[in-house]
Amino acid sequence: MIEVLIDPLNTGTRSPTDLYHIVVKPSGTYVMEKGIRFEPPCGRRALWPADIDVATRIYPDRWTVELRIPLAAFGAVAEHTFWGFNITRYDASRQEFSTWSGACGNAYDPLSLGNLYLP
């Protein structure tokens, strides 16, 4: 599965409550939330009813995902220029986990996100 983590305010808090979270499976099935579900819980979590488009494509040796997320899905915070951003990948068959930002430890900690520049 692929996860996209977005913090449009990029305030560097330690709370996953601030993150917008999208999880996509190869089938194209996806879940969206504001905050992240953990057991035990570590912050608020709510459904994020944004109007996004998700497309996946499966190849013999890989799969890809493409997302379209309108800026309006983030409300007034969309006006910020630098966002916290990360993509994670988990391959259950190989027990591999990787992150775009190179996060060590907790990839869901907003301080471990990379930066996304929106001109």
PDB file of N, CA and C in Angstrom:
ATOM      1  N   MET A   1       0.828  -1.169   0.000  1.00  0.00           N
ATOM      2  CA  MET A   1       0.000   0.000   0.000  1.00  0.00           C
ATOM      3  C   MET A   1       0.878   1.240   0.000  1.00  0.00           C
ATOM      4  N   ILE A   2       0.289   2.320  -0.440  1.00  0.00           N
ATOM      5  CA  ILE A   2       0.959   3.615  -0.482  1.00  0.00           C
ATOM      6  C   ILE A   2       0.198   4.550   0.456  1.00  0.00           C
ATOM      7  N   GLU A   3       0.936   5.336   1.222  1.00  0.00           N
ATOM      8  CA  GLU A   3       0.323   6.347   2.079  1.00  0.00           C
ATOM      9  C   GLU A   3       0.874   7.707   1.696  1.00  0.00           C
ATOM     10  N   VAL A   4       0.008   8.699   1.667  1.00  0.00           N
ATOM     11  CA  VAL A   4       0.410  10.081   1.430  1.00  0.00           C
ATOM     12  C   VAL A   4       0.067  10.849   2.695  1.00  0.00           C
ATOM     13  N   LEU A   5       1.063  11.553   3.230  1.00  0.00           N
ATOM     14  CA  LEU A   5       0.911  12.338   4.452  1.00  0.00           C
ATOM     15  C   LEU A   5       1.158  13.797   4.107  1.00  0.00           C
ATOM     16  N   ILE A   6       0.216  14.664   4.455  1.00  0.00           N
ATOM     17  CA  ILE A   6       0.317  16.074   4.089  1.00  0.00           C
ATOM     18  C   ILE A   6       0.040  16.938   5.317  1.00  0.00           C
ATOM     19  N   ASP A   7       0.914  17.909   5.561  1.00  0.00           N
ATOM     20  CA  ASP A   7       0.709  18.902   6.608  1.00  0.00           C
ATOM     21  C   ASP A   7       0.805  20.282   5.962  1.00  0.00           C
ATOM     22  N   PRO A   8      -0.335  20.846   5.501  1.00  0.00           N
ATOM     23  CA  PRO A   8      -0.286  22.118   4.779  1.00  0.00           C
ATOM     24  C   PRO A   8       0.225  23.285   5.616  1.00  0.00           C
ATOM     25  N   LEU A   9       0.095  23.208   6.927  1.00  0.00           N
ATOM     26  CA  LEU A   9       0.598  24.294   7.775  1.00  0.00           C
ATOM     27  C   LEU A   9       2.096  24.152   8.045  1.00  0.00           C
ATOM     28  N   ASN A  10       2.598  22.912   7.984  1.00  0.00           N
ATOM     29  CA  ASN A  10       4.027  22.631   8.191  1.00  0.00           C
ATOM     30  C   ASN A  10       4.543  23.330   9.456  1.00  0.00           C
ATOM     31  N   THR A  11       3.781  23.204  10.533  1.00  0.00           N
ATOM     32  CA  THR A  11       4.136  23.873  11.774  1.00  0.00           C
ATOM     33  C   THR A  11       5.107  23.085  12.633  1.00  0.00           C
ATOM     34  N   GLY A  12       5.375  21.856  12.265  1.00  0.00           N
ATOM     35  CA  GLY A  12       6.354  21.058  12.994  1.00  0.00           C
ATOM     36  C   GLY A  12       5.888  20.593  14.356  1.00  0.00           C
ATOM     37  N   THR A  13       4.582  20.394  14.506  1.00  0.00           N
ATOM     38  CA  THR A  13       4.094  19.848  15.767  1.00  0.00           C
ATOM     39  C   THR A  13       4.441  18.371  15.821  1.00  0.00           C
ATOM     40  N   ARG A  14       4.292  17.762  16.960  1.00  0.00           N
ATOM     41  CA  ARG A  14       4.580  16.329  17.093  1.00  0.00           C
ATOM     42  C   ARG A  14       3.312  15.491  17.009  1.00  0.00           C
ATOM     43  N   SER A  15       2.197  16.080  16.615  1.00  0.00           N
ATOM     44  CA  SER A  15       0.924  15.375  16.647  1.00  0.00           C
ATOM     45  C   SER A  15       0.477  14.926  15.257  1.00  0.00           C
ATOM     46  N   PRO A  16       0.201  13.625  15.082  1.00  0.00           N
ATOM     47  CA  PRO A  16      -0.346  13.157  13.804  1.00  0.00           C
ATOM     48  C   PRO A  16      -1.763  13.661  13.559  1.00  0.00           C
ATOM     49  N   THR A  17      -2.373  14.319  14.555  1.00  0.00           N
ATOM     50  CA  THR A  17      -3.693  14.924  14.387  1.00  0.00           C
ATOM     51  C   THR A  17      -3.670  15.972  13.283  1.00  0.00           C
ATOM     52  N   ASP A  18      -2.520  16.620  13.071  1.00  0.00           N
ATOM     53  CA  ASP A  18      -2.405  17.692  12.091  1.00  0.00           C
ATOM     54  C   ASP A  18      -2.272  17.196  10.646  1.00  0.00           C
ATOM     55  N   LEU A  19      -2.086  15.905  10.459  1.00  0.00           N
ATOM     56  CA  LEU A  19      -1.807  15.373   9.126  1.00  0.00           C
ATOM     57  C   LEU A  19      -3.068  14.984   8.369  1.00  0.00           C
ATOM     58  N   TYR A  20      -3.057  15.261   7.073  1.00  0.00           N
ATOM     59  CA  TYR A  20      -4.033  14.696   6.149  1.00  0.00           C
ATOM     60  C   TYR A  20      -3.408  13.402   5.647  1.00  0.00           C
ATOM     61  N   HIS A  21      -4.184  12.326   5.632  1.00  0.00           N
ATOM     62  CA  HIS A  21      -3.638  10.986   5.398  1.00  0.00           C
ATOM     63  C   HIS A  21      -4.488  10.258   4.358  1.00  0.00           C
ATOM     64  N   ILE A  22      -3.837   9.773   3.309  1.00  0.00           N
ATOM     65  CA  ILE A  22      -4.516   8.996   2.269  1.00  0.00           C
ATOM     66  C   ILE A  22      -3.785   7.668   2.143  1.00  0.00           C
ATOM     67  N   VAL A  23      -4.523   6.576   2.194  1.00  0.00           N
ATOM     68  CA  VAL A  23      -3.965   5.230   2.030  1.00  0.00           C
ATOM     69  C   VAL A  23      -4.569   4.639   0.768  1.00  0.00           C
ATOM     70  N   VAL A  24      -3.715   4.147  -0.144  1.00  0.00           N
ATOM     71  CA  VAL A  24      -4.200   3.584  -1.412  1.00  0.00           C
ATOM     72  C   VAL A  24      -3.642   2.170  -1.575  1.00  0.00           C
ATOM     73  N   LYS A  25      -4.510   1.243  -1.950  1.00  0.00           N
ATOM     74  CA  LYS A  25      -4.110  -0.133  -2.260  1.00  0.00           C
ATOM     75  C   LYS A  25      -4.007  -0.289  -3.770  1.00  0.00           C
ATOM     76  N   PRO A  26      -3.311  -1.313  -4.257  1.00  0.00           N
ATOM     77  CA  PRO A  26      -3.171  -1.506  -5.710  1.00  0.00           C
ATOM     78  C   PRO A  26      -4.509  -1.591  -6.454  1.00  0.00           C
ATOM     79  N   SER A  27      -5.540  -2.053  -5.788  1.00  0.00           N
ATOM     80  CA  SER A  27      -6.862  -2.168  -6.424  1.00  0.00           C
ATOM     81  C   SER A  27      -7.493  -0.806  -6.696  1.00  0.00           C
ATOM     82  N   GLY A  28      -6.931   0.263  -6.113  1.00  0.00           N
ATOM     83  CA  GLY A  28      -7.509   1.591  -6.252  1.00  0.00           C
ATOM     84  C   GLY A  28      -8.387   1.967  -5.071  1.00  0.00           C
ATOM     85  N   THR A  29      -8.619   1.020  -4.174  1.00  0.00           N
ATOM     86  CA  THR A  29      -9.372   1.316  -2.957  1.00  0.00           C
ATOM     87  C   THR A  29      -8.555   2.271  -2.103  1.00  0.00           C
ATOM     88  N   TYR A  30      -9.222   3.278  -1.527  1.00  0.00           N
ATOM     89  CA  TYR A  30      -8.484   4.233  -0.707  1.00  0.00           C
ATOM     90  C   TYR A  30      -9.306   4.682   0.494  1.00  0.00           C
ATOM     91  N   VAL A  31      -8.601   5.187   1.485  1.00  0.00           N
ATOM     92  CA  VAL A  31      -9.193   5.738   2.698  1.00  0.00           C
ATOM     93  C   VAL A  31      -8.540   7.084   2.933  1.00  0.00           C
ATOM     94  N   MET A  32      -9.351   8.053   3.355  1.00  0.00           N
ATOM     95  CA  MET A  32      -8.822   9.389   3.642  1.00  0.00           C
ATOM     96  C   MET A  32      -9.233   9.780   5.052  1.00  0.00           C
ATOM     97  N   GLU A  33      -8.319  10.432   5.762  1.00  0.00           N
ATOM     98  CA  GLU A  33      -8.634  10.886   7.106  1.00  0.00           C
ATOM     99  C   GLU A  33      -7.795  12.102   7.467  1.00  0.00           C
ATOM    100  N   LYS A  34      -8.268  12.866   8.425  1.00  0.00           N
ATOM    101  CA  LYS A  34      -7.493  13.967   9.015  1.00  0.00           C
ATOM    102  C   LYS A  34      -7.100  13.460  10.385  1.00  0.00           C
ATOM    103  N   GLY A  35      -5.803  13.343  10.622  1.00  0.00           N
ATOM    104  CA  GLY A  35      -5.311  12.600  11.776  1.00  0.00           C
ATOM    105  C   GLY A  35      -5.060  11.176  11.322  1.00  0.00           C
ATOM    106  N   ILE A  36      -4.452  10.380  12.162  1.00  0.00           N
ATOM    107  CA  ILE A  36      -4.122   9.009  11.773  1.00  0.00           C
ATOM    108  C   ILE A  36      -4.609   8.042  12.846  1.00  0.00           C
ATOM    109  N   ARG A  37      -5.234   6.969  12.398  1.00  0.00           N
ATOM    110  CA  ARG A  37      -5.727   5.949  13.325  1.00  0.00           C
ATOM    111  C   ARG A  37      -4.561   5.105  13.819  1.00  0.00           C
ATOM    112  N   PHE A  38      -4.381   5.097  15.114  1.00  0.00           N
ATOM    113  CA  PHE A  38      -3.387   4.256  15.769  1.00  0.00           C
ATOM    114  C   PHE A  38      -4.076   3.479  16.879  1.00  0.00           C
ATOM    115  N   GLU A  39      -3.512   2.354  17.240  1.00  0.00           N
ATOM    116  CA  GLU A  39      -3.966   1.605  18.406  1.00  0.00           C
ATOM    117  C   GLU A  39      -2.778   1.454  19.338  1.00  0.00           C
ATOM    118  N   PRO A  40      -2.802   2.028  20.519  1.00  0.00           N
ATOM    119  CA  PRO A  40      -3.856   2.862  21.074  1.00  0.00           C
ATOM    120  C   PRO A  40      -3.869   4.233  20.401  1.00  0.00           C
ATOM    121  N   PRO A  41      -5.000   4.945  20.463  1.00  0.00           N
ATOM    122  CA  PRO A  41      -5.105   6.259  19.821  1.00  0.00           C
ATOM    123  C   PRO A  41      -4.067   7.251  20.346  1.00  0.00           C
ATOM    124  N   CYS A  42      -3.579   8.102  19.470  1.00  0.00           N
ATOM    125  CA  CYS A  42      -2.623   9.135  19.904  1.00  0.00           C
ATOM    126  C   CYS A  42      -3.004  10.477  19.293  1.00  0.00           C
ATOM    127  N   GLY A  43      -4.261  10.830  19.396  1.00  0.00           N
ATOM    128  CA  GLY A  43      -4.728  12.110  18.878  1.00  0.00           C
ATOM    129  C   GLY A  43      -6.074  11.967  18.202  1.00  0.00           C
ATOM    130  N   ARG A  44      -6.628  13.101  17.854  1.00  0.00           N
ATOM    131  CA  ARG A  44      -7.929  13.104  17.172  1.00  0.00           C
ATOM    132  C   ARG A  44      -7.799  12.584  15.749  1.00  0.00           C
ATOM    133  N   ARG A  45      -8.877  12.001  15.278  1.00  0.00           N
ATOM    134  CA  ARG A  45      -8.948  11.498  13.909  1.00  0.00           C
ATOM    135  C   ARG A  45     -10.366  11.690  13.423  1.00  0.00           C
ATOM    136  N   ALA A  46     -10.513  12.105  12.169  1.00  0.00           N
ATOM    137  CA  ALA A  46     -11.840  12.282  11.578  1.00  0.00           C
ATOM    138  C   ALA A  46     -11.776  11.939  10.099  1.00  0.00           C
ATOM    139  N   LEU A  47     -12.901  11.574   9.536  1.00  0.00           N
ATOM    140  CA  LEU A  47     -12.954  11.358   8.099  1.00  0.00           C
ATOM    141  C   LEU A  47     -12.672  12.685   7.402  1.00  0.00           C
ATOM    142  N   TRP A  48     -12.040  12.603   6.254  1.00  0.00           N
ATOM    143  CA  TRP A  48     -11.719  13.784   5.458  1.00  0.00           C
ATOM    144  C   TRP A  48     -12.463  13.641   4.135  1.00  0.00           C
ATOM    145  N   PRO A  49     -13.607  14.293   4.003  1.00  0.00           N
ATOM    146  CA  PRO A  49     -14.460  14.092   2.829  1.00  0.00           C
ATOM    147  C   PRO A  49     -14.064  14.953   1.621  1.00  0.00           C
ATOM    148  N   ALA A  50     -12.828  14.892   1.218  1.00  0.00           N
ATOM    149  CA  ALA A  50     -12.360  15.677   0.067  1.00  0.00           C
ATOM    150  C   ALA A  50     -12.741  14.969  -1.235  1.00  0.00           C
ATOM    151  N   ASP A  51     -12.898  15.755  -2.269  1.00  0.00           N
ATOM    152  CA  ASP A  51     -13.236  15.227  -3.597  1.00  0.00           C
ATOM    153  C   ASP A  51     -11.928  15.007  -4.362  1.00  0.00           C
ATOM    154  N   ILE A  52     -11.373  13.804  -4.271  1.00  0.00           N
ATOM    155  CA  ILE A  52     -10.108  13.502  -4.941  1.00  0.00           C
ATOM    156  C   ILE A  52     -10.337  12.462  -6.036  1.00  0.00           C
ATOM    157  N   ASP A  53      -9.374  12.368  -6.933  1.00  0.00           N
ATOM    158  CA  ASP A  53      -9.381  11.320  -7.953  1.00  0.00           C
ATOM    159  C   ASP A  53      -8.186  10.415  -7.696  1.00  0.00           C
ATOM    160  N   VAL A  54      -8.420   9.115  -7.780  1.00  0.00           N
ATOM    161  CA  VAL A  54      -7.363   8.124  -7.570  1.00  0.00           C
ATOM    162  C   VAL A  54      -7.335   7.193  -8.773  1.00  0.00           C
ATOM    163  N   ALA A  55      -6.143   6.979  -9.312  1.00  0.00           N
ATOM    164  CA  ALA A  55      -5.971   6.028 -10.411  1.00  0.00           C
ATOM    165  C   ALA A  55      -4.771   5.140 -10.090  1.00  0.00           C
ATOM    166  N   THR A  56      -4.927   3.846 -10.290  1.00  0.00           N
ATOM    167  CA  THR A  56      -3.810   2.915 -10.100  1.00  0.00           C
ATOM    168  C   THR A  56      -3.635   2.087 -11.365  1.00  0.00           C
ATOM    169  N   ARG A  57      -2.433   1.592 -11.512  1.00  0.00           N
ATOM    170  CA  ARG A  57      -2.139   0.713 -12.648  1.00  0.00           C
ATOM    171  C   ARG A  57      -1.188  -0.367 -12.161  1.00  0.00           C
ATOM    172  N   ILE A  58      -1.518  -1.603 -12.481  1.00  0.00           N
ATOM    173  CA  ILE A  58      -0.712  -2.739 -12.044  1.00  0.00           C
ATOM    174  C   ILE A  58       0.071  -3.294 -13.220  1.00  0.00           C
ATOM    175  N   TYR A  59       1.377  -3.452 -13.017  1.00  0.00           N
ATOM    176  CA  TYR A  59       2.284  -4.049 -13.998  1.00  0.00           C
ATOM    177  C   TYR A  59       2.764  -5.378 -13.428  1.00  0.00           C
ATOM    178  N   PRO A  60       3.434  -6.207 -14.216  1.00  0.00           N
ATOM    179  CA  PRO A  60       3.895  -7.492 -13.691  1.00  0.00           C
ATOM    180  C   PRO A  60       4.845  -7.363 -12.492  1.00  0.00           C
ATOM    181  N   ASP A  61       5.659  -6.318 -12.462  1.00  0.00           N
ATOM    182  CA  ASP A  61       6.661  -6.203 -11.396  1.00  0.00           C
ATOM    183  C   ASP A  61       6.504  -4.973 -10.506  1.00  0.00           C
ATOM    184  N   ARG A  62       5.409  -4.218 -10.670  1.00  0.00           N
ATOM    185  CA  ARG A  62       5.211  -3.010  -9.866  1.00  0.00           C
ATOM    186  C   ARG A  62       3.785  -2.503 -10.061  1.00  0.00           C
ATOM    187  N   TRP A  63       3.442  -1.473  -9.303  1.00  0.00           N
ATOM    188  CA  TRP A  63       2.176  -0.785  -9.523  1.00  0.00           C
ATOM    189  C   TRP A  63       2.382   0.695  -9.235  1.00  0.00           C
ATOM    190  N   THR A  64       1.526   1.506  -9.820  1.00  0.00           N
ATOM    191  CA  THR A  64       1.636   2.950  -9.646  1.00  0.00           C
ATOM    192  C   THR A  64       0.303   3.505  -9.172  1.00  0.00           C
ATOM    193  N   VAL A  65       0.385   4.660  -8.530  1.00  0.00           N
ATOM    194  CA  VAL A  65      -0.816   5.374  -8.109  1.00  0.00           C
ATOM    195  C   VAL A  65      -0.660   6.833  -8.505  1.00  0.00           C
ATOM    196  N   GLU A  66      -1.762   7.419  -8.913  1.00  0.00           N
ATOM    197  CA  GLU A  66      -1.787   8.833  -9.267  1.00  0.00           C
ATOM    198  C   GLU A  66      -2.972   9.451  -8.524  1.00  0.00           C
ATOM    199  N   LEU A  67      -2.723  10.602  -7.879  1.00  0.00           N
ATOM    200  CA  LEU A  67      -3.755  11.292  -7.116  1.00  0.00           C
ATOM    201  C   LEU A  67      -3.964  12.701  -7.647  1.00  0.00           C
ATOM    202  N   ARG A  68      -5.203  13.141  -7.629  1.00  0.00           N
ATOM    203  CA  ARG A  68      -5.527  14.541  -7.889  1.00  0.00           C
ATOM    204  C   ARG A  68      -6.267  15.030  -6.662  1.00  0.00           C
ATOM    205  N   ILE A  69      -5.635  15.975  -5.966  1.00  0.00           N
ATOM    206  CA  ILE A  69      -6.214  16.529  -4.751  1.00  0.00           C
ATOM    207  C   ILE A  69      -6.377  18.034  -4.964  1.00  0.00           C
ATOM    208  N   PRO A  70      -7.596  18.531  -5.036  1.00  0.00           N
ATOM    209  CA  PRO A  70      -7.765  19.977  -5.236  1.00  0.00           C
ATOM    210  C   PRO A  70      -7.301  20.748  -3.996  1.00  0.00           C
ATOM    211  N   LEU A  71      -6.700  21.896  -4.205  1.00  0.00           N
ATOM    212  CA  LEU A  71      -6.254  22.723  -3.084  1.00  0.00           C
ATOM    213  C   LEU A  71      -7.417  23.076  -2.166  1.00  0.00           C
ATOM    214  N   ALA A  72      -8.614  23.187  -2.710  1.00  0.00           N
ATOM    215  CA  ALA A  72      -9.784  23.518  -1.899  1.00  0.00           C
ATOM    216  C   ALA A  72     -10.058  22.471  -0.818  1.00  0.00           C
ATOM    217  N   ALA A  73      -9.536  21.260  -0.985  1.00  0.00           N
ATOM    218  CA  ALA A  73      -9.731  20.205   0.008  1.00  0.00           C
ATOM    219  C   ALA A  73      -9.082  20.538   1.346  1.00  0.00           C
ATOM    220  N   PHE A  74      -8.170  21.517   1.343  1.00  0.00           N
ATOM    221  CA  PHE A  74      -7.453  21.889   2.561  1.00  0.00           C
ATOM    222  C   PHE A  74      -7.961  23.191   3.165  1.00  0.00           C
ATOM    223  N   GLY A  75      -8.966  23.805   2.565  1.00  0.00           N
ATOM    224  CA  GLY A  75      -9.536  25.042   3.085  1.00  0.00           C
ATOM    225  C   GLY A  75      -8.549  26.193   3.013  1.00  0.00           C
ATOM    226  N   ALA A  76      -8.618  27.077   3.982  1.00  0.00           N
ATOM    227  CA  ALA A  76      -7.788  28.289   3.990  1.00  0.00           C
ATOM    228  C   ALA A  76      -6.305  27.983   4.126  1.00  0.00           C
ATOM    229  N   VAL A  77      -5.948  26.837   4.681  1.00  0.00           N
ATOM    230  CA  VAL A  77      -4.523  26.515   4.864  1.00  0.00           C
ATOM    231  C   VAL A  77      -3.819  26.298   3.532  1.00  0.00           C
ATOM    232  N   ALA A  78      -4.568  26.148   2.459  1.00  0.00           N
ATOM    233  CA  ALA A  78      -3.972  25.915   1.142  1.00  0.00           C
ATOM    234  C   ALA A  78      -3.144  27.099   0.665  1.00  0.00           C
ATOM    235  N   GLU A  79      -3.236  28.228   1.356  1.00  0.00           N
ATOM    236  CA  GLU A  79      -2.494  29.420   0.944  1.00  0.00           C
ATOM    237  C   GLU A  79      -1.025  29.383   1.355  1.00  0.00           C
ATOM    238  N   HIS A  80      -0.634  28.445   2.191  1.00  0.00           N
ATOM    239  CA  HIS A  80       0.760  28.346   2.620  1.00  0.00           C
ATOM    240  C   HIS A  80       1.629  27.835   1.474  1.00  0.00           C
ATOM    241  N   THR A  81       2.882  28.258   1.445  1.00  0.00           N
ATOM    242  CA  THR A  81       3.779  27.919   0.348  1.00  0.00           C
ATOM    243  C   THR A  81       4.550  26.626   0.580  1.00  0.00           C
ATOM    244  N   PHE A  82       5.021  26.380   1.804  1.00  0.00           N
ATOM    245  CA  PHE A  82       5.772  25.167   2.109  1.00  0.00           C
ATOM    246  C   PHE A  82       4.907  24.241   2.960  1.00  0.00           C
ATOM    247  N   TRP A  83       4.699  23.054   2.453  1.00  0.00           N
ATOM    248  CA  TRP A  83       3.899  22.064   3.164  1.00  0.00           C
ATOM    249  C   TRP A  83       4.811  20.933   3.622  1.00  0.00           C
ATOM    250  N   GLY A  84       4.444  20.307   4.734  1.00  0.00           N
ATOM    251  CA  GLY A  84       5.080  19.055   5.121  1.00  0.00           C
ATOM    252  C   GLY A  84       4.474  17.959   4.258  1.00  0.00           C
ATOM    253  N   PHE A  85       5.311  17.025   3.782  1.00  0.00           N
ATOM    254  CA  PHE A  85       4.828  16.035   2.820  1.00  0.00           C
ATOM    255  C   PHE A  85       5.664  14.766   2.935  1.00  0.00           C
ATOM    256  N   ASN A  86       5.009  13.644   2.806  1.00  0.00           N
ATOM    257  CA  ASN A  86       5.723  12.372   2.762  1.00  0.00           C
ATOM    258  C   ASN A  86       4.873  11.336   2.038  1.00  0.00           C
ATOM    259  N   ILE A  87       5.529  10.390   1.437  1.00  0.00           N
ATOM    260  CA  ILE A  87       4.881   9.222   0.841  1.00  0.00           C
ATOM    261  C   ILE A  87       5.563   8.009   1.435  1.00  0.00           C
ATOM    262  N   THR A  88       4.761   7.050   1.894  1.00  0.00           N
ATOM    263  CA  THR A  88       5.332   5.797   2.384  1.00  0.00           C
ATOM    264  C   THR A  88       4.849   4.657   1.496  1.00  0.00           C
ATOM    265  N   ARG A  89       5.642   3.603   1.483  1.00  0.00           N
ATOM    266  CA  ARG A  89       5.289   2.401   0.705  1.00  0.00           C
ATOM    267  C   ARG A  89       5.522   1.197   1.589  1.00  0.00           C
ATOM    268  N   TYR A  90       4.534   0.322   1.643  1.00  0.00           N
ATOM    269  CA  TYR A  90       4.684  -0.923   2.387  1.00  0.00           C
ATOM    270  C   TYR A  90       4.370  -2.081   1.458  1.00  0.00           C
ATOM    271  N   ASP A  91       5.331  -2.971   1.288  1.00  0.00           N
ATOM    272  CA  ASP A  91       5.166  -4.175   0.484  1.00  0.00           C
ATOM    273  C   ASP A  91       5.110  -5.357   1.451  1.00  0.00           C
ATOM    274  N   ALA A  92       3.894  -5.841   1.732  1.00  0.00           N
ATOM    275  CA  ALA A  92       3.708  -6.915   2.713  1.00  0.00           C
ATOM    276  C   ALA A  92       4.400  -8.204   2.300  1.00  0.00           C
ATOM    277  N   SER A  93       4.409  -8.514   1.010  1.00  0.00           N
ATOM    278  CA  SER A  93       5.004  -9.776   0.561  1.00  0.00           C
ATOM    279  C   SER A  93       6.513  -9.828   0.809  1.00  0.00           C
ATOM    280  N   ARG A  94       7.161  -8.663   0.779  1.00  0.00           N
ATOM    281  CA  ARG A  94       8.611  -8.602   1.014  1.00  0.00           C
ATOM    282  C   ARG A  94       8.960  -8.012   2.374  1.00  0.00           C
ATOM    283  N   GLN A  95       7.940  -7.606   3.115  1.00  0.00           N
ATOM    284  CA  GLN A  95       8.137  -6.959   4.416  1.00  0.00           C
ATOM    285  C   GLN A  95       9.058  -5.742   4.292  1.00  0.00           C
ATOM    286  N   GLU A  96       8.794  -4.915   3.262  1.00  0.00           N
ATOM    287  CA  GLU A  96       9.588  -3.707   3.010  1.00  0.00           C
ATOM    288  C   GLU A  96       8.754  -2.469   3.299  1.00  0.00           C
ATOM    289  N   PHE A  97       9.369  -1.511   3.983  1.00  0.00           N
ATOM    290  CA  PHE A  97       8.743  -0.227   4.260  1.00  0.00           C
ATOM    291  C   PHE A  97       9.737   0.851   3.874  1.00  0.00           C
ATOM    292  N   SER A  98       9.284   1.833   3.097  1.00  0.00           N
ATOM    293  CA  SER A  98      10.178   2.922   2.719  1.00  0.00           C
ATOM    294  C   SER A  98       9.395   4.234   2.713  1.00  0.00           C
ATOM    295  N   THR A  99      10.143   5.344   2.811  1.00  0.00           N
ATOM    296  CA  THR A  99       9.517   6.662   2.818  1.00  0.00           C
ATOM    297  C   THR A  99      10.236   7.573   1.839  1.00  0.00           C
ATOM    298  N   TRP A 100       9.477   8.485   1.242  1.00  0.00           N
ATOM    299  CA  TRP A 100      10.056   9.459   0.325  1.00  0.00           C
ATOM    300  C   TRP A 100      10.976  10.409   1.069  1.00  0.00           C
ATOM    301  N   SER A 101      10.579  10.817   2.267  1.00  0.00           N
ATOM    302  CA  SER A 101      11.356  11.804   3.022  1.00  0.00           C
ATOM    303  C   SER A 101      12.595  11.200   3.668  1.00  0.00           C
ATOM    304  N   GLY A 102      12.700   9.864   3.666  1.00  0.00           N
ATOM    305  CA  GLY A 102      13.826   9.214   4.331  1.00  0.00           C
ATOM    306  C   GLY A 102      13.687   9.220   5.842  1.00  0.00           C
ATOM    307  N   ALA A 103      12.461   9.350   6.323  1.00  0.00           N
ATOM    308  CA  ALA A 103      12.203   9.424   7.762  1.00  0.00           C
ATOM    309  C   ALA A 103      12.770   8.197   8.466  1.00  0.00           C
ATOM    310  N   CYS A 104      13.454   8.433   9.553  1.00  0.00           N
ATOM    311  CA  CYS A 104      13.940   7.356  10.407  1.00  0.00           C
ATOM    312  C   CYS A 104      13.018   7.275  11.614  1.00  0.00           C
ATOM    313  N   GLY A 105      12.666   6.091  12.009  1.00  0.00           N
ATOM    314  CA  GLY A 105      11.776   5.955  13.155  1.00  0.00           C
ATOM    315  C   GLY A 105      10.332   6.113  12.746  1.00  0.00           C
ATOM    316  N   ASN A 106       9.674   7.138  13.231  1.00  0.00           N
ATOM    317  CA  ASN A 106       8.245   7.336  13.038  1.00  0.00           C
ATOM    318  C   ASN A 106       7.968   8.196  11.808  1.00  0.00           C
ATOM    319  N   ALA A 107       7.551   7.590  10.724  1.00  0.00           N
ATOM    320  CA  ALA A 107       7.247   8.322   9.484  1.00  0.00           C
ATOM    321  C   ALA A 107       5.986   9.167   9.622  1.00  0.00           C
ATOM    322  N   TYR A 108       5.207   8.945  10.695  1.00  0.00           N
ATOM    323  CA  TYR A 108       3.961   9.673  10.909  1.00  0.00           C
ATOM    324  C   TYR A 108       4.131  10.870  11.839  1.00  0.00           C
ATOM    325  N   ASP A 109       5.336  11.121  12.266  1.00  0.00           N
ATOM    326  CA  ASP A 109       5.645  12.286  13.084  1.00  0.00           C
ATOM    327  C   ASP A 109       5.782  13.477  12.139  1.00  0.00           C
ATOM    328  N   PRO A 110       4.973  14.533  12.300  1.00  0.00           N
ATOM    329  CA  PRO A 110       5.065  15.664  11.375  1.00  0.00           C
ATOM    330  C   PRO A 110       6.470  16.255  11.255  1.00  0.00           C
ATOM    331  N   LEU A 111       7.310  16.092  12.265  1.00  0.00           N
ATOM    332  CA  LEU A 111       8.681  16.605  12.179  1.00  0.00           C
ATOM    333  C   LEU A 111       9.546  15.795  11.211  1.00  0.00           C
ATOM    334  N   SER A 112       9.105  14.594  10.844  1.00  0.00           N
ATOM    335  CA  SER A 112       9.899  13.763   9.937  1.00  0.00           C
ATOM    336  C   SER A 112       9.498  13.917   8.471  1.00  0.00           C
ATOM    337  N   LEU A 113       8.530  14.799   8.198  1.00  0.00           N
ATOM    338  CA  LEU A 113       8.089  15.003   6.822  1.00  0.00           C
ATOM    339  C   LEU A 113       9.133  15.777   6.029  1.00  0.00           C
ATOM    340  N   GLY A 114       9.124  15.591   4.719  1.00  0.00           N
ATOM    341  CA  GLY A 114       9.914  16.417   3.828  1.00  0.00           C
ATOM    342  C   GLY A 114       9.148  17.697   3.542  1.00  0.00           C
ATOM    343  N   ASN A 115       9.681  18.537   2.679  1.00  0.00           N
ATOM    344  CA  ASN A 115       9.009  19.784   2.321  1.00  0.00           C
ATOM    345  C   ASN A 115       8.522  19.729   0.896  1.00  0.00           C
ATOM    346  N   LEU A 116       7.324  20.219   0.686  1.00  0.00           N
ATOM    347  CA  LEU A 116       6.723  20.339  -0.633  1.00  0.00           C
ATOM    348  C   LEU A 116       6.520  21.827  -0.875  1.00  0.00           C
ATOM    349  N   TYR A 117       7.107  22.353  -1.942  1.00  0.00           N
ATOM    350  CA  TYR A 117       7.011  23.778  -2.263  1.00  0.00           C
ATOM    351  C   TYR A 117       5.914  23.987  -3.296  1.00  0.00           C
ATOM    352  N   LEU A 118       4.967  24.843  -2.962  1.00  0.00           N
ATOM    353  CA  LEU A 118       3.884  25.191  -3.890  1.00  0.00           C
ATOM    354  C   LEU A 118       4.077  26.639  -4.321  1.00  0.00           C
ATOM    355  N   PRO A 119       4.526  26.873  -5.548  1.00  0.00           N
ATOM    356  CA  PRO A 119       4.793  28.254  -5.997  1.00  0.00           C
ATOM    357  C   PRO A 119       3.523  29.086  -6.092  1.00  0.00           C
TER     358      PRO A 119
END
